[in-house]
Every structure is written in structure tokens, then in C-alpha cells.
N, C-alpha and C. Protein backbone atom coordinates (compact mmCIF):
# COMPACT_ATOMS: atom_id res chain seq x y z
N MET A 1 -94.25 -67.67 124.19
CA MET A 1 -93.58 -68.88 124.64
C MET A 1 -92.57 -68.54 125.77
N PHE A 2 -91.85 -67.46 125.62
CA PHE A 2 -90.91 -67.06 126.67
C PHE A 2 -91.66 -66.84 128.00
N ARG A 3 -92.85 -66.22 127.87
CA ARG A 3 -93.65 -65.94 129.08
C ARG A 3 -94.07 -67.28 129.73
N LYS A 4 -94.43 -68.28 128.93
CA LYS A 4 -94.85 -69.57 129.51
C LYS A 4 -93.66 -70.22 130.21
N LEU A 5 -92.47 -70.13 129.66
CA LEU A 5 -91.27 -70.69 130.29
C LEU A 5 -90.96 -69.99 131.60
N THR A 6 -91.12 -68.67 131.59
CA THR A 6 -90.87 -67.87 132.79
C THR A 6 -91.84 -68.27 133.91
N VAL A 7 -93.12 -68.38 133.53
CA VAL A 7 -94.15 -68.77 134.49
C VAL A 7 -93.87 -70.16 135.01
N ALA A 8 -93.50 -71.08 134.11
CA ALA A 8 -93.19 -72.47 134.53
C ALA A 8 -92.00 -72.50 135.50
N PHE A 9 -90.95 -71.71 135.14
CA PHE A 9 -89.78 -71.63 135.98
C PHE A 9 -90.14 -71.08 137.36
N ALA A 10 -90.93 -70.06 137.41
CA ALA A 10 -91.38 -69.43 138.64
C ALA A 10 -92.15 -70.43 139.51
N VAL A 11 -93.03 -71.21 138.85
CA VAL A 11 -93.81 -72.23 139.61
C VAL A 11 -92.88 -73.24 140.19
N ILE A 12 -91.93 -73.72 139.41
CA ILE A 12 -90.93 -74.72 139.88
C ILE A 12 -90.14 -74.13 141.03
N LEU A 13 -89.65 -72.93 140.87
CA LEU A 13 -88.86 -72.28 141.89
C LEU A 13 -89.65 -72.13 143.20
N LEU A 14 -90.92 -71.72 143.07
CA LEU A 14 -91.74 -71.57 144.26
C LEU A 14 -91.99 -72.93 144.91
N GLY A 15 -92.17 -73.97 144.12
CA GLY A 15 -92.40 -75.30 144.62
C GLY A 15 -91.16 -75.79 145.38
N VAL A 16 -89.97 -75.58 144.81
CA VAL A 16 -88.74 -75.99 145.44
C VAL A 16 -88.51 -75.19 146.73
N THR A 17 -88.78 -73.92 146.68
CA THR A 17 -88.63 -73.07 147.87
C THR A 17 -89.58 -73.50 148.97
N ALA A 18 -90.80 -73.79 148.59
CA ALA A 18 -91.82 -74.23 149.59
C ALA A 18 -91.40 -75.56 150.20
N ALA A 19 -90.92 -76.48 149.35
CA ALA A 19 -90.49 -77.77 149.86
C ALA A 19 -89.29 -77.63 150.79
N ALA A 20 -88.36 -76.74 150.42
CA ALA A 20 -87.18 -76.51 151.25
C ALA A 20 -87.61 -75.90 152.59
N ALA A 21 -88.58 -74.98 152.52
CA ALA A 21 -89.06 -74.38 153.75
C ALA A 21 -89.74 -75.39 154.64
N ALA A 22 -90.50 -76.28 154.02
CA ALA A 22 -91.19 -77.33 154.80
C ALA A 22 -90.19 -78.27 155.47
N ILE A 23 -89.17 -78.67 154.71
CA ILE A 23 -88.13 -79.54 155.23
C ILE A 23 -87.38 -78.87 156.38
N ALA A 24 -87.00 -77.61 156.18
CA ALA A 24 -86.28 -76.86 157.20
C ALA A 24 -87.16 -76.70 158.46
N SER A 25 -88.43 -76.39 158.22
CA SER A 25 -89.36 -76.22 159.34
C SER A 25 -89.51 -77.53 160.13
N SER A 26 -89.59 -78.62 159.39
CA SER A 26 -89.73 -79.94 160.04
C SER A 26 -88.47 -80.24 160.85
N TYR A 27 -87.30 -80.03 160.23
CA TYR A 27 -86.02 -80.35 160.91
C TYR A 27 -85.84 -79.48 162.11
N TYR A 28 -85.96 -78.16 161.96
CA TYR A 28 -85.73 -77.28 163.09
C TYR A 28 -86.84 -77.42 164.15
N GLY A 29 -88.04 -77.71 163.70
CA GLY A 29 -89.11 -77.96 164.65
C GLY A 29 -88.81 -79.15 165.55
N LYS A 30 -88.28 -80.22 164.92
CA LYS A 30 -87.90 -81.41 165.70
C LYS A 30 -86.74 -81.08 166.64
N ALA A 31 -85.78 -80.31 166.13
CA ALA A 31 -84.61 -79.96 166.95
C ALA A 31 -85.04 -79.09 168.11
N ILE A 32 -85.96 -78.18 167.91
CA ILE A 32 -86.46 -77.35 168.99
C ILE A 32 -87.23 -78.19 169.98
N ALA A 33 -88.06 -79.08 169.46
CA ALA A 33 -88.84 -79.97 170.36
C ALA A 33 -87.90 -80.81 171.20
N ALA A 34 -86.87 -81.35 170.58
CA ALA A 34 -85.91 -82.19 171.31
C ALA A 34 -85.21 -81.37 172.40
N ALA A 35 -84.79 -80.14 172.03
CA ALA A 35 -84.13 -79.31 173.01
C ALA A 35 -85.06 -78.95 174.17
N GLN A 36 -86.34 -78.77 173.88
CA GLN A 36 -87.26 -78.44 174.94
C GLN A 36 -87.54 -79.67 175.81
N SER A 37 -87.43 -80.83 175.27
CA SER A 37 -87.74 -82.03 176.06
C SER A 37 -86.56 -82.56 176.83
N CYS A 38 -85.37 -82.03 176.63
CA CYS A 38 -84.23 -82.55 177.37
C CYS A 38 -84.27 -82.37 178.88
N PRO A 39 -84.77 -81.29 179.38
CA PRO A 39 -84.90 -81.24 180.83
C PRO A 39 -85.80 -82.32 181.35
N GLU A 40 -86.77 -82.76 180.53
CA GLU A 40 -87.62 -83.91 180.93
C GLU A 40 -86.81 -85.17 181.14
N PHE A 41 -85.80 -85.42 180.28
CA PHE A 41 -84.93 -86.58 180.44
C PHE A 41 -84.19 -86.50 181.74
N ILE A 42 -83.66 -85.33 182.07
CA ILE A 42 -82.88 -85.12 183.30
C ILE A 42 -83.80 -85.35 184.51
N LYS A 43 -84.98 -84.72 184.46
CA LYS A 43 -85.94 -84.86 185.57
C LYS A 43 -86.34 -86.32 185.76
N LYS A 44 -86.55 -87.03 184.65
CA LYS A 44 -86.97 -88.44 184.74
C LYS A 44 -85.88 -89.29 185.41
N ARG A 45 -84.62 -89.08 184.99
CA ARG A 45 -83.54 -89.91 185.58
C ARG A 45 -83.31 -89.51 187.04
N GLN A 46 -83.46 -88.22 187.35
CA GLN A 46 -83.32 -87.83 188.76
C GLN A 46 -84.43 -88.42 189.62
N THR A 47 -85.63 -88.46 189.10
CA THR A 47 -86.76 -89.04 189.82
C THR A 47 -86.52 -90.54 190.05
N LEU A 48 -86.06 -91.23 189.04
CA LEU A 48 -85.79 -92.68 189.17
C LEU A 48 -84.70 -92.90 190.22
N MET A 49 -83.60 -92.13 190.14
CA MET A 49 -82.53 -92.31 191.10
C MET A 49 -82.95 -91.96 192.52
N LYS A 50 -83.77 -90.98 192.70
CA LYS A 50 -84.25 -90.61 194.01
C LYS A 50 -85.09 -91.76 194.58
N LYS A 51 -85.94 -92.35 193.78
CA LYS A 51 -86.78 -93.46 194.18
C LYS A 51 -85.89 -94.65 194.57
N SER A 52 -84.91 -94.93 193.75
CA SER A 52 -84.00 -96.07 194.08
C SER A 52 -83.21 -95.79 195.35
N GLY A 53 -82.82 -94.55 195.54
CA GLY A 53 -82.11 -94.19 196.75
C GLY A 53 -82.96 -94.41 197.99
N GLU A 54 -84.23 -94.01 197.91
CA GLU A 54 -85.14 -94.25 199.04
C GLU A 54 -85.35 -95.73 199.31
N GLU A 55 -85.47 -96.50 198.25
CA GLU A 55 -85.62 -97.94 198.40
C GLU A 55 -84.36 -98.56 198.98
N ALA A 56 -83.22 -98.10 198.56
CA ALA A 56 -81.93 -98.64 199.07
C ALA A 56 -81.82 -98.39 200.58
N LYS A 57 -82.31 -97.25 201.02
CA LYS A 57 -82.27 -96.97 202.50
C LYS A 57 -83.10 -97.96 203.27
N ILE A 58 -84.21 -98.38 202.70
CA ILE A 58 -85.07 -99.36 203.37
C ILE A 58 -84.34 -100.71 203.42
N GLY A 59 -83.74 -101.12 202.29
CA GLY A 59 -83.00 -102.37 202.31
C GLY A 59 -81.84 -102.35 203.26
N THR A 60 -81.15 -101.24 203.35
CA THR A 60 -80.03 -101.07 204.27
C THR A 60 -80.53 -101.16 205.71
N ALA A 61 -81.69 -100.55 205.98
CA ALA A 61 -82.26 -100.61 207.35
C ALA A 61 -82.55 -102.06 207.72
N MET A 62 -83.05 -102.85 206.77
CA MET A 62 -83.32 -104.26 207.05
C MET A 62 -82.01 -104.98 207.38
N ILE A 63 -81.00 -104.72 206.62
CA ILE A 63 -79.69 -105.37 206.81
C ILE A 63 -79.09 -104.99 208.19
N LYS A 64 -79.27 -103.76 208.58
CA LYS A 64 -78.74 -103.30 209.86
C LYS A 64 -79.58 -103.75 211.05
N GLY A 65 -80.74 -104.32 210.77
CA GLY A 65 -81.60 -104.75 211.87
C GLY A 65 -82.47 -103.59 212.39
N GLU A 66 -82.49 -102.48 211.71
CA GLU A 66 -83.31 -101.35 212.11
C GLU A 66 -84.75 -101.48 211.64
N ARG A 67 -84.96 -102.46 210.79
CA ARG A 67 -86.28 -102.71 210.22
C ARG A 67 -86.34 -104.21 209.97
N PRO A 68 -87.47 -104.85 210.26
CA PRO A 68 -87.58 -106.32 210.05
C PRO A 68 -87.46 -106.68 208.58
N PHE A 69 -86.90 -107.87 208.34
CA PHE A 69 -86.83 -108.36 206.97
C PHE A 69 -88.26 -108.58 206.46
N ASP A 70 -88.55 -108.12 205.24
CA ASP A 70 -89.85 -108.23 204.62
C ASP A 70 -89.62 -108.59 203.16
N ALA A 71 -89.82 -109.85 202.84
CA ALA A 71 -89.57 -110.32 201.45
C ALA A 71 -90.37 -109.56 200.43
N ALA A 72 -91.62 -109.22 200.73
CA ALA A 72 -92.46 -108.47 199.78
C ALA A 72 -91.89 -107.11 199.53
N LYS A 73 -91.37 -106.45 200.57
CA LYS A 73 -90.77 -105.12 200.41
C LYS A 73 -89.46 -105.24 199.62
N VAL A 74 -88.71 -106.31 199.83
CA VAL A 74 -87.48 -106.50 199.08
C VAL A 74 -87.85 -106.68 197.58
N GLU A 75 -88.92 -107.37 197.28
CA GLU A 75 -89.37 -107.49 195.90
C GLU A 75 -89.66 -106.12 195.30
N GLU A 76 -90.28 -105.26 196.07
CA GLU A 76 -90.58 -103.88 195.60
C GLU A 76 -89.26 -103.11 195.36
N ILE A 77 -88.33 -103.26 196.27
CA ILE A 77 -87.05 -102.59 196.11
C ILE A 77 -86.37 -103.03 194.83
N TYR A 78 -86.31 -104.35 194.64
CA TYR A 78 -85.65 -104.87 193.43
C TYR A 78 -86.41 -104.49 192.17
N ALA A 79 -87.71 -104.38 192.27
CA ALA A 79 -88.52 -103.96 191.10
C ALA A 79 -88.18 -102.52 190.73
N ALA A 80 -88.01 -101.67 191.77
CA ALA A 80 -87.62 -100.26 191.50
C ALA A 80 -86.23 -100.19 190.86
N PHE A 81 -85.31 -101.00 191.31
CA PHE A 81 -83.97 -101.05 190.76
C PHE A 81 -84.04 -101.54 189.29
N ALA A 82 -84.81 -102.58 189.04
CA ALA A 82 -84.94 -103.15 187.70
C ALA A 82 -85.57 -102.10 186.76
N ASN A 83 -86.52 -101.35 187.28
CA ASN A 83 -87.12 -100.28 186.46
C ASN A 83 -86.08 -99.23 186.07
N ASP A 84 -85.24 -98.86 187.01
CA ASP A 84 -84.16 -97.94 186.72
C ASP A 84 -83.25 -98.49 185.62
N ALA A 85 -82.84 -99.74 185.83
CA ALA A 85 -81.92 -100.35 184.90
C ALA A 85 -82.51 -100.42 183.48
N LYS A 86 -83.78 -100.65 183.39
CA LYS A 86 -84.45 -100.72 182.08
C LYS A 86 -84.51 -99.34 181.40
N GLN A 87 -84.81 -98.32 182.18
CA GLN A 87 -85.01 -96.99 181.59
C GLN A 87 -83.72 -96.16 181.41
N MET A 88 -82.76 -96.33 182.29
CA MET A 88 -81.58 -95.46 182.27
C MET A 88 -80.86 -95.35 180.94
N PRO A 89 -80.66 -96.44 180.19
CA PRO A 89 -79.92 -96.27 178.93
C PRO A 89 -80.59 -95.32 177.94
N THR A 90 -81.88 -95.09 178.10
CA THR A 90 -82.59 -94.22 177.15
C THR A 90 -82.70 -92.77 177.62
N LEU A 91 -82.20 -92.44 178.78
CA LEU A 91 -82.40 -91.16 179.39
C LEU A 91 -81.22 -90.22 179.31
N PHE A 92 -80.29 -90.49 178.41
CA PHE A 92 -79.10 -89.67 178.30
C PHE A 92 -78.83 -89.21 176.85
N PRO A 93 -79.81 -88.53 176.23
CA PRO A 93 -79.52 -88.02 174.89
C PRO A 93 -78.49 -86.88 174.99
N ASP A 94 -77.83 -86.55 173.92
CA ASP A 94 -76.82 -85.54 173.93
C ASP A 94 -77.31 -84.21 174.48
N CYS A 95 -78.55 -83.90 174.23
CA CYS A 95 -79.08 -82.62 174.66
C CYS A 95 -79.28 -82.53 176.18
N SER A 96 -79.04 -83.63 176.90
CA SER A 96 -79.24 -83.59 178.36
C SER A 96 -77.93 -83.61 179.14
N LYS A 97 -76.86 -83.21 178.49
CA LYS A 97 -75.57 -83.17 179.16
C LYS A 97 -75.48 -82.13 180.27
N THR A 98 -76.24 -81.05 180.09
CA THR A 98 -76.21 -79.98 181.06
C THR A 98 -77.64 -79.50 181.34
N GLY A 99 -77.74 -78.72 182.38
CA GLY A 99 -79.04 -78.10 182.72
C GLY A 99 -79.74 -78.90 183.77
N ALA A 100 -80.79 -78.29 184.31
CA ALA A 100 -81.69 -78.92 185.27
C ALA A 100 -80.95 -79.56 186.44
N LYS A 101 -79.85 -78.91 186.84
CA LYS A 101 -79.04 -79.41 187.98
C LYS A 101 -78.60 -80.85 187.84
N THR A 102 -78.28 -81.28 186.62
CA THR A 102 -77.82 -82.63 186.40
C THR A 102 -76.45 -82.89 187.04
N THR A 103 -76.26 -84.04 187.54
CA THR A 103 -74.93 -84.45 188.05
C THR A 103 -74.36 -85.56 187.20
N ALA A 104 -74.93 -85.75 186.01
CA ALA A 104 -74.39 -86.72 185.07
C ALA A 104 -73.02 -86.23 184.56
N ALA A 105 -72.02 -87.07 184.66
CA ALA A 105 -70.69 -86.69 184.25
C ALA A 105 -70.51 -86.81 182.74
N PRO A 106 -69.63 -85.98 182.15
CA PRO A 106 -69.35 -86.08 180.72
C PRO A 106 -68.89 -87.48 180.32
N ALA A 107 -68.35 -88.23 181.27
CA ALA A 107 -67.88 -89.62 180.93
C ALA A 107 -68.99 -90.48 180.36
N ILE A 108 -70.23 -90.17 180.71
CA ILE A 108 -71.35 -90.94 180.16
C ILE A 108 -71.35 -90.88 178.63
N TRP A 109 -71.24 -89.66 178.11
CA TRP A 109 -71.30 -89.49 176.64
C TRP A 109 -69.97 -89.82 175.99
N GLU A 110 -68.89 -89.67 176.73
CA GLU A 110 -67.56 -89.99 176.19
C GLU A 110 -67.35 -91.49 176.11
N ARG A 111 -68.01 -92.24 177.03
CA ARG A 111 -67.82 -93.70 177.10
C ARG A 111 -69.17 -94.35 177.25
N MET A 112 -70.04 -94.05 176.32
CA MET A 112 -71.45 -94.55 176.39
C MET A 112 -71.49 -96.10 176.45
N ASP A 113 -70.61 -96.77 175.72
CA ASP A 113 -70.62 -98.24 175.75
C ASP A 113 -70.31 -98.74 177.15
N ASP A 114 -69.35 -98.13 177.81
CA ASP A 114 -69.02 -98.53 179.19
C ASP A 114 -70.16 -98.26 180.13
N PHE A 115 -70.81 -97.10 179.93
CA PHE A 115 -71.96 -96.72 180.77
C PHE A 115 -73.07 -97.75 180.62
N LYS A 116 -73.37 -98.08 179.37
CA LYS A 116 -74.45 -99.08 179.13
C LYS A 116 -74.07 -100.46 179.66
N ALA A 117 -72.78 -100.80 179.60
CA ALA A 117 -72.34 -102.07 180.14
C ALA A 117 -72.49 -102.11 181.67
N ALA A 118 -72.22 -100.97 182.31
CA ALA A 118 -72.37 -100.90 183.76
C ALA A 118 -73.89 -101.06 184.13
N ILE A 119 -74.75 -100.46 183.34
CA ILE A 119 -76.18 -100.61 183.61
C ILE A 119 -76.62 -102.07 183.36
N ALA A 120 -76.09 -102.66 182.31
CA ALA A 120 -76.43 -104.06 182.00
C ALA A 120 -75.99 -105.01 183.14
N LYS A 121 -74.81 -104.75 183.71
CA LYS A 121 -74.33 -105.57 184.85
C LYS A 121 -75.29 -105.37 186.03
N PHE A 122 -75.65 -104.13 186.29
CA PHE A 122 -76.60 -103.82 187.35
C PHE A 122 -77.88 -104.59 187.13
N ALA A 123 -78.40 -104.59 185.92
CA ALA A 123 -79.63 -105.27 185.57
C ALA A 123 -79.53 -106.79 185.78
N ASP A 124 -78.40 -107.37 185.38
CA ASP A 124 -78.16 -108.77 185.55
C ASP A 124 -78.12 -109.16 187.05
N ASP A 125 -77.44 -108.33 187.83
CA ASP A 125 -77.34 -108.62 189.28
C ASP A 125 -78.69 -108.47 189.96
N ILE A 126 -79.49 -107.55 189.53
CA ILE A 126 -80.82 -107.40 190.07
C ILE A 126 -81.68 -108.60 189.71
N LYS A 127 -81.59 -109.03 188.49
CA LYS A 127 -82.38 -110.20 188.07
C LYS A 127 -82.03 -111.44 188.90
N ALA A 128 -80.70 -111.63 189.13
CA ALA A 128 -80.27 -112.75 189.95
C ALA A 128 -80.79 -112.60 191.41
N ALA A 129 -80.80 -111.38 191.91
CA ALA A 129 -81.25 -111.15 193.27
C ALA A 129 -82.77 -111.37 193.37
N GLN A 130 -83.51 -110.97 192.34
CA GLN A 130 -84.96 -111.14 192.37
C GLN A 130 -85.35 -112.60 192.49
N GLY A 131 -84.54 -113.48 192.02
CA GLY A 131 -84.82 -114.89 192.16
C GLY A 131 -84.35 -115.50 193.44
N ASN A 132 -83.85 -114.65 194.35
CA ASN A 132 -83.26 -115.14 195.58
C ASN A 132 -83.61 -114.24 196.77
N ILE A 133 -84.93 -114.14 197.02
CA ILE A 133 -85.40 -113.31 198.13
C ILE A 133 -85.99 -114.21 199.16
N LYS A 134 -85.17 -115.05 199.79
CA LYS A 134 -85.73 -115.98 200.75
C LYS A 134 -85.53 -115.60 202.20
N ASP A 135 -84.41 -114.87 202.50
CA ASP A 135 -84.18 -114.52 203.88
C ASP A 135 -83.21 -113.36 203.97
N LEU A 136 -82.94 -112.94 205.18
CA LEU A 136 -82.06 -111.80 205.42
C LEU A 136 -80.65 -112.04 204.89
N ASP A 137 -80.14 -113.24 205.07
CA ASP A 137 -78.77 -113.54 204.57
C ASP A 137 -78.69 -113.38 203.06
N ALA A 138 -79.71 -113.82 202.36
CA ALA A 138 -79.70 -113.66 200.89
C ALA A 138 -79.76 -112.17 200.55
N LEU A 139 -80.58 -111.39 201.29
CA LEU A 139 -80.65 -109.96 201.06
C LEU A 139 -79.26 -109.34 201.25
N LYS A 140 -78.62 -109.69 202.32
CA LYS A 140 -77.30 -109.13 202.61
C LYS A 140 -76.31 -109.38 201.45
N ALA A 141 -76.29 -110.59 200.98
CA ALA A 141 -75.36 -110.94 199.91
C ALA A 141 -75.72 -110.23 198.61
N ASN A 142 -76.99 -110.26 198.25
CA ASN A 142 -77.41 -109.65 197.00
C ASN A 142 -77.30 -108.10 197.03
N PHE A 143 -77.67 -107.55 198.16
CA PHE A 143 -77.67 -106.11 198.30
C PHE A 143 -76.26 -105.54 198.22
N GLN A 144 -75.32 -106.30 198.74
CA GLN A 144 -73.92 -105.86 198.67
C GLN A 144 -73.44 -105.82 197.20
N THR A 145 -73.79 -106.82 196.44
CA THR A 145 -73.39 -106.85 195.03
C THR A 145 -74.03 -105.69 194.26
N ILE A 146 -75.34 -105.49 194.49
CA ILE A 146 -76.05 -104.41 193.82
C ILE A 146 -75.51 -103.07 194.26
N GLY A 147 -75.21 -102.89 195.52
CA GLY A 147 -74.62 -101.67 196.02
C GLY A 147 -73.30 -101.31 195.38
N LYS A 148 -72.48 -102.35 195.12
CA LYS A 148 -71.20 -102.09 194.48
C LYS A 148 -71.42 -101.59 193.05
N ASN A 149 -72.45 -102.12 192.37
CA ASN A 149 -72.76 -101.60 191.03
C ASN A 149 -73.09 -100.13 191.11
N CYS A 150 -73.93 -99.76 192.08
CA CYS A 150 -74.34 -98.37 192.21
C CYS A 150 -73.11 -97.50 192.49
N SER A 151 -72.31 -97.92 193.44
CA SER A 151 -71.13 -97.16 193.83
C SER A 151 -70.16 -96.99 192.67
N ASN A 152 -69.86 -98.06 191.97
CA ASN A 152 -68.92 -97.98 190.85
C ASN A 152 -69.44 -97.06 189.77
N CYS A 153 -70.70 -97.15 189.46
CA CYS A 153 -71.27 -96.33 188.41
C CYS A 153 -71.24 -94.84 188.82
N HIS A 154 -71.61 -94.57 190.08
CA HIS A 154 -71.61 -93.21 190.53
C HIS A 154 -70.20 -92.61 190.59
N GLN A 155 -69.24 -93.40 190.94
CA GLN A 155 -67.83 -92.93 190.98
C GLN A 155 -67.35 -92.52 189.57
N THR A 156 -67.76 -93.30 188.62
CA THR A 156 -67.28 -93.07 187.23
C THR A 156 -68.13 -92.11 186.46
N PHE A 157 -69.45 -92.19 186.60
CA PHE A 157 -70.36 -91.48 185.69
C PHE A 157 -71.20 -90.40 186.38
N ARG A 158 -70.80 -89.98 187.55
CA ARG A 158 -71.58 -88.95 188.23
C ARG A 158 -70.63 -87.86 188.74
N ILE A 159 -71.05 -86.62 188.62
CA ILE A 159 -70.25 -85.49 189.15
C ILE A 159 -70.56 -85.43 190.66
N LYS A 160 -69.51 -85.41 191.41
CA LYS A 160 -69.67 -85.36 192.87
C LYS A 160 -69.99 -83.91 193.26
N THR A 161 -71.03 -83.74 194.06
CA THR A 161 -71.35 -82.46 194.57
C THR A 161 -70.90 -82.37 196.03
N SER A 162 -70.68 -81.18 196.50
CA SER A 162 -70.18 -81.02 197.89
C SER A 162 -71.07 -81.57 198.91
């Protein structure tokens, strides 16, 4: 009988150990996967920002008269901005605070609610602009508002590089 209890205890102990190992493996596996995917978050947000920066240059050229006003192109510009606004709140997990030449400031994680509010304001202003792409004067007014959103966010939530 003692031998049966010992065997039963050993089986239980092995089962508990195996379960603990499986849980630990799952947890650490996810943590490792998350750590490995963080540079992807940084790269994604950098790619989005670069695209928006390129689009902003086109809008600015239209405003300066260096390029003719093109309502269809303005729609594309605003669509790129709206895409940024939609994706940005999801691209700043804790594991992406550093690395991959990020210029995201610590203020993002310290004041995440403020950061998300700034993105929401940007999104609202883009939506309003998208409904008002009739002429160059409308572009000038809307683009100025959107540009202020960009500037304010970058001043607060971006590390300035030389």
C-alpha cells in the first residue's frame, strides 16, 4: 500500500511539474515572441510617419503654388493621415520604448492618455478636412489645422534629433 501511495504521489508530482513547465513555457514563449516583435512596431510606426511626411510635402507644395491643386491627391493625403491616426495608438507597446532608432519620447508611455487624446484630435480634424476638399482655400485652412496637430504631438511626444 505504501508503494501504491508513493507511485500515486510521484504521478501527481510529475503531472504538476509538467503543467507548471507547460505554463512557464507558454508564458515565456509569449514574452519572447513579444520582445522579438517590438522592432516591428517601431518599424511600422516609422514607415507610417515617413509616408505621412511625404504626403505632407505634397500638400505643402500645393499650398505654396509649387504644385497645382489636385482634389484627388488631397484625398490620398488625408487618407494616409487617417490611416496613421487609426493605427498609431496600437503601435506603442511597452517593449517598443527603445531600439530600432526610435525617436518616440518616454512621455508617450508616461502620459499615454494624453498621447491617445492628441491622436484622437488629429483623427477628428482629418475627418473634418476629408469632408471639405473643394478648393485650394479649403486645403490651406484644413492643412494648417492638421499641421498644428502634427507639430504639437512631435514637440511633446518625440525625441528631437540633431
